[in-house]
N, C-alpha and C. Protein backbone atom coordinates (compact mmCIF):
# COMPACT_ATOMS: atom_id res chain seq x y z
N MET A 1 8.22 -28.26 -19.92
CA MET A 1 7.02 -27.53 -19.56
C MET A 1 6.94 -27.31 -18.05
N GLU A 2 7.35 -28.33 -17.29
CA GLU A 2 7.26 -28.22 -15.84
C GLU A 2 8.23 -27.17 -15.29
N TRP A 3 9.40 -27.04 -15.89
CA TRP A 3 10.36 -26.05 -15.39
C TRP A 3 9.84 -24.63 -15.61
N MET A 4 9.04 -24.43 -16.66
CA MET A 4 8.47 -23.10 -16.89
C MET A 4 7.48 -22.75 -15.78
N LEU A 5 6.70 -23.72 -15.38
CA LEU A 5 5.77 -23.49 -14.27
C LEU A 5 6.52 -23.20 -12.98
N GLN A 6 7.63 -23.89 -12.78
CA GLN A 6 8.44 -23.67 -11.59
C GLN A 6 9.01 -22.25 -11.58
N VAL A 7 9.49 -21.78 -12.74
CA VAL A 7 10.04 -20.43 -12.84
C VAL A 7 8.95 -19.39 -12.57
N VAL A 8 7.78 -19.58 -13.15
CA VAL A 8 6.68 -18.65 -12.93
C VAL A 8 6.27 -18.65 -11.45
N ASP A 9 6.26 -19.82 -10.82
CA ASP A 9 5.92 -19.90 -9.40
C ASP A 9 6.95 -19.17 -8.55
N GLU A 10 8.23 -19.29 -8.87
CA GLU A 10 9.26 -18.59 -8.11
C GLU A 10 9.14 -17.08 -8.28
N ILE A 11 8.84 -16.63 -9.48
CA ILE A 11 8.65 -15.19 -9.71
C ILE A 11 7.45 -14.69 -8.92
N ASP A 12 6.37 -15.48 -8.93
CA ASP A 12 5.18 -15.10 -8.17
C ASP A 12 5.48 -15.03 -6.67
N ASP A 13 6.28 -15.97 -6.16
CA ASP A 13 6.66 -15.94 -4.75
C ASP A 13 7.48 -14.70 -4.41
N ALA A 14 8.39 -14.33 -5.31
CA ALA A 14 9.22 -13.14 -5.07
C ALA A 14 8.37 -11.87 -5.08
N ILE A 15 7.43 -11.79 -5.99
CA ILE A 15 6.55 -10.61 -6.04
C ILE A 15 5.67 -10.55 -4.79
N GLY A 16 5.18 -11.71 -4.34
CA GLY A 16 4.37 -11.74 -3.11
C GLY A 16 5.16 -11.30 -1.89
N ALA A 17 6.42 -11.73 -1.80
CA ALA A 17 7.26 -11.32 -0.66
C ALA A 17 7.53 -9.82 -0.68
N LEU A 18 7.78 -9.27 -1.86
CA LEU A 18 8.00 -7.82 -1.96
C LEU A 18 6.75 -7.04 -1.61
N ARG A 19 5.59 -7.56 -2.01
CA ARG A 19 4.34 -6.88 -1.69
C ARG A 19 4.11 -6.86 -0.19
N LEU A 20 4.32 -7.99 0.47
CA LEU A 20 4.15 -8.03 1.93
C LEU A 20 5.14 -7.14 2.65
N CYS A 21 6.37 -7.07 2.14
CA CYS A 21 7.38 -6.19 2.74
C CYS A 21 6.97 -4.73 2.61
N SER A 22 6.46 -4.36 1.44
CA SER A 22 6.06 -2.97 1.25
C SER A 22 4.85 -2.61 2.11
N LEU A 23 3.92 -3.56 2.31
CA LEU A 23 2.78 -3.29 3.17
C LEU A 23 3.22 -3.11 4.62
N GLY A 24 4.16 -3.93 5.08
CA GLY A 24 4.67 -3.78 6.44
C GLY A 24 5.41 -2.47 6.63
N LEU A 25 6.17 -2.07 5.62
CA LEU A 25 6.90 -0.80 5.70
C LEU A 25 5.93 0.37 5.74
N ALA A 26 4.87 0.30 4.94
CA ALA A 26 3.87 1.37 4.94
C ALA A 26 3.17 1.46 6.29
N ALA A 27 2.91 0.32 6.91
CA ALA A 27 2.27 0.33 8.23
C ALA A 27 3.18 0.94 9.28
N GLU A 28 4.47 0.63 9.23
CA GLU A 28 5.41 1.19 10.19
C GLU A 28 5.53 2.71 10.01
N ILE A 29 5.59 3.16 8.76
CA ILE A 29 5.67 4.61 8.51
C ILE A 29 4.40 5.29 8.99
N GLY A 30 3.26 4.64 8.80
CA GLY A 30 2.00 5.20 9.27
C GLY A 30 1.95 5.34 10.77
N LEU A 31 2.51 4.36 11.48
CA LEU A 31 2.54 4.45 12.94
C LEU A 31 3.43 5.60 13.42
N VAL A 32 4.55 5.77 12.77
CA VAL A 32 5.45 6.87 13.14
C VAL A 32 4.78 8.22 12.86
N ALA A 33 4.11 8.32 11.71
CA ALA A 33 3.43 9.58 11.37
C ALA A 33 2.30 9.86 12.36
N ALA A 34 1.54 8.83 12.72
CA ALA A 34 0.44 9.02 13.67
C ALA A 34 0.97 9.44 15.04
N GLY A 35 2.06 8.84 15.46
CA GLY A 35 2.66 9.22 16.74
C GLY A 35 3.16 10.65 16.72
N GLY A 36 3.80 11.04 15.62
CA GLY A 36 4.27 12.42 15.50
C GLY A 36 3.14 13.43 15.50
N LEU A 37 2.06 13.11 14.79
CA LEU A 37 0.91 14.00 14.78
C LEU A 37 0.26 14.08 16.16
N GLY A 38 0.23 12.96 16.86
CA GLY A 38 -0.34 12.96 18.21
C GLY A 38 0.46 13.83 19.16
N MET A 39 1.79 13.72 19.09
CA MET A 39 2.63 14.56 19.95
C MET A 39 2.50 16.03 19.57
N GLY A 40 2.38 16.30 18.26
CA GLY A 40 2.18 17.68 17.82
C GLY A 40 0.86 18.24 18.31
N ALA A 41 -0.18 17.40 18.30
CA ALA A 41 -1.49 17.86 18.78
C ALA A 41 -1.46 18.14 20.28
N ILE A 42 -0.75 17.32 21.03
CA ILE A 42 -0.63 17.57 22.47
C ILE A 42 0.14 18.87 22.71
N GLY A 43 1.21 19.09 21.94
CA GLY A 43 1.95 20.34 22.07
C GLY A 43 1.12 21.55 21.72
N ALA A 44 0.30 21.43 20.68
CA ALA A 44 -0.58 22.55 20.29
C ALA A 44 -1.64 22.79 21.35
N ALA A 45 -2.14 21.73 21.96
CA ALA A 45 -3.14 21.89 23.01
C ALA A 45 -2.54 22.60 24.23
N ILE A 46 -1.31 22.25 24.55
CA ILE A 46 -0.64 22.91 25.68
C ILE A 46 -0.41 24.38 25.35
N ALA A 47 0.02 24.66 24.11
CA ALA A 47 0.31 26.04 23.71
C ALA A 47 -0.94 26.91 23.70
N THR A 48 -2.08 26.33 23.35
CA THR A 48 -3.31 27.14 23.29
C THR A 48 -4.04 27.17 24.61
N GLY A 49 -3.58 26.42 25.59
CA GLY A 49 -4.20 26.46 26.91
C GLY A 49 -5.44 25.61 27.03
N ALA A 50 -5.43 24.43 26.44
CA ALA A 50 -6.58 23.53 26.54
C ALA A 50 -6.69 22.99 27.96
N GLU A 51 -7.81 22.36 28.24
CA GLU A 51 -8.03 21.81 29.58
C GLU A 51 -7.00 20.73 29.89
N VAL A 52 -6.59 20.69 31.13
CA VAL A 52 -5.57 19.74 31.56
C VAL A 52 -6.07 18.30 31.40
N SER A 53 -7.35 18.06 31.67
CA SER A 53 -7.87 16.70 31.55
C SER A 53 -7.82 16.20 30.12
N LEU A 54 -8.05 17.07 29.14
CA LEU A 54 -7.97 16.66 27.74
C LEU A 54 -6.53 16.37 27.32
N ILE A 55 -5.62 17.18 27.81
CA ILE A 55 -4.21 16.96 27.49
C ILE A 55 -3.73 15.65 28.10
N CYS A 56 -4.13 15.39 29.34
CA CYS A 56 -3.74 14.14 29.99
C CYS A 56 -4.35 12.93 29.30
N SER A 57 -5.59 13.06 28.85
CA SER A 57 -6.23 11.95 28.14
C SER A 57 -5.50 11.65 26.84
N ALA A 58 -5.12 12.69 26.12
CA ALA A 58 -4.38 12.49 24.87
C ALA A 58 -3.02 11.85 25.14
N ALA A 59 -2.35 12.27 26.19
CA ALA A 59 -1.05 11.68 26.53
C ALA A 59 -1.19 10.22 26.93
N ILE A 60 -2.26 9.88 27.63
CA ILE A 60 -2.48 8.49 28.04
C ILE A 60 -2.74 7.62 26.82
N VAL A 61 -3.56 8.10 25.89
CA VAL A 61 -3.85 7.33 24.68
C VAL A 61 -2.58 7.14 23.85
N LEU A 62 -1.78 8.18 23.72
CA LEU A 62 -0.54 8.08 22.96
C LEU A 62 0.44 7.11 23.61
N SER A 63 0.56 7.16 24.93
CA SER A 63 1.48 6.24 25.61
C SER A 63 0.97 4.80 25.56
N LEU A 64 -0.35 4.62 25.62
CA LEU A 64 -0.91 3.28 25.50
C LEU A 64 -0.64 2.70 24.11
N ALA A 65 -0.79 3.53 23.08
CA ALA A 65 -0.49 3.07 21.72
C ALA A 65 0.98 2.69 21.58
N ALA A 66 1.86 3.47 22.17
CA ALA A 66 3.29 3.16 22.11
C ALA A 66 3.59 1.86 22.86
N ALA A 67 2.95 1.67 24.02
CA ALA A 67 3.18 0.44 24.79
C ALA A 67 2.68 -0.78 24.02
N LEU A 68 1.54 -0.66 23.35
CA LEU A 68 1.05 -1.77 22.56
C LEU A 68 1.96 -2.07 21.37
N LYS A 69 2.52 -1.05 20.76
CA LYS A 69 3.45 -1.26 19.65
C LYS A 69 4.72 -1.96 20.14
N ILE A 70 5.24 -1.53 21.28
CA ILE A 70 6.43 -2.17 21.84
C ILE A 70 6.13 -3.61 22.21
N HIS A 71 4.97 -3.85 22.80
CA HIS A 71 4.58 -5.21 23.16
C HIS A 71 4.43 -6.09 21.92
N GLY A 72 3.84 -5.53 20.86
CA GLY A 72 3.68 -6.28 19.62
C GLY A 72 5.01 -6.62 18.98
N SER A 73 5.96 -5.68 19.01
CA SER A 73 7.27 -5.98 18.44
C SER A 73 8.01 -6.99 19.30
N TYR A 74 7.80 -6.97 20.61
CA TYR A 74 8.42 -7.96 21.48
C TYR A 74 7.87 -9.35 21.17
N LEU A 75 6.56 -9.45 20.96
CA LEU A 75 5.97 -10.75 20.63
C LEU A 75 6.45 -11.23 19.27
N GLY A 76 6.60 -10.32 18.33
CA GLY A 76 7.10 -10.71 17.01
C GLY A 76 8.52 -11.19 17.07
N ASP A 77 9.37 -10.52 17.83
CA ASP A 77 10.77 -10.94 17.98
C ASP A 77 10.84 -12.28 18.70
N ARG A 78 9.99 -12.46 19.66
CA ARG A 78 10.01 -13.68 20.46
C ARG A 78 9.58 -14.88 19.63
N SER A 79 8.55 -14.73 18.82
CA SER A 79 8.09 -15.84 18.00
C SER A 79 9.07 -16.13 16.88
N ALA A 80 9.77 -15.11 16.39
CA ALA A 80 10.73 -15.32 15.30
C ALA A 80 11.97 -16.05 15.80
N SER A 81 12.38 -15.77 17.02
CA SER A 81 13.59 -16.40 17.53
C SER A 81 13.34 -17.79 18.07
N GLY A 82 12.11 -18.09 18.41
CA GLY A 82 11.79 -19.42 18.91
C GLY A 82 12.00 -19.59 20.41
N SER A 83 12.56 -18.59 21.08
CA SER A 83 12.77 -18.71 22.52
C SER A 83 11.48 -18.33 23.24
N ARG A 84 11.24 -18.97 24.38
CA ARG A 84 9.99 -18.72 25.07
C ARG A 84 10.17 -17.96 26.38
N GLY A 85 11.20 -18.20 27.11
CA GLY A 85 11.29 -17.60 28.42
C GLY A 85 12.34 -16.51 28.56
N GLU A 86 13.07 -16.23 27.50
CA GLU A 86 14.16 -15.27 27.62
C GLU A 86 13.70 -13.87 27.22
N PRO A 87 13.99 -12.87 28.02
CA PRO A 87 13.64 -11.49 27.63
C PRO A 87 14.57 -11.03 26.51
N PRO A 88 14.13 -10.06 25.70
CA PRO A 88 14.99 -9.58 24.61
C PRO A 88 16.16 -8.80 25.15
N LEU A 89 17.28 -8.86 24.45
CA LEU A 89 18.46 -8.08 24.83
C LEU A 89 18.30 -6.67 24.32
N LEU A 90 18.59 -5.69 25.17
CA LEU A 90 18.44 -4.29 24.77
C LEU A 90 19.76 -3.68 24.46
């Protein structure tokens, strides 16, 4: 009886890991889509002759979002590797 519970627990763990992986993948795809739409909106604003201050504001927000994403991935890589003072290899 106990081995059946162990098998069910292992299956549940595998399903949970797949669910978390799919959620992370969906979040990454969403970030790429949002970045692409943001760049497209900036291009459309330039093409239609929008105000320079609005175009610059949109570019600043987009670059800040990219910097935060890069910083977040750096922190994730750093915590996964266990190293504290070494910069990531590029």
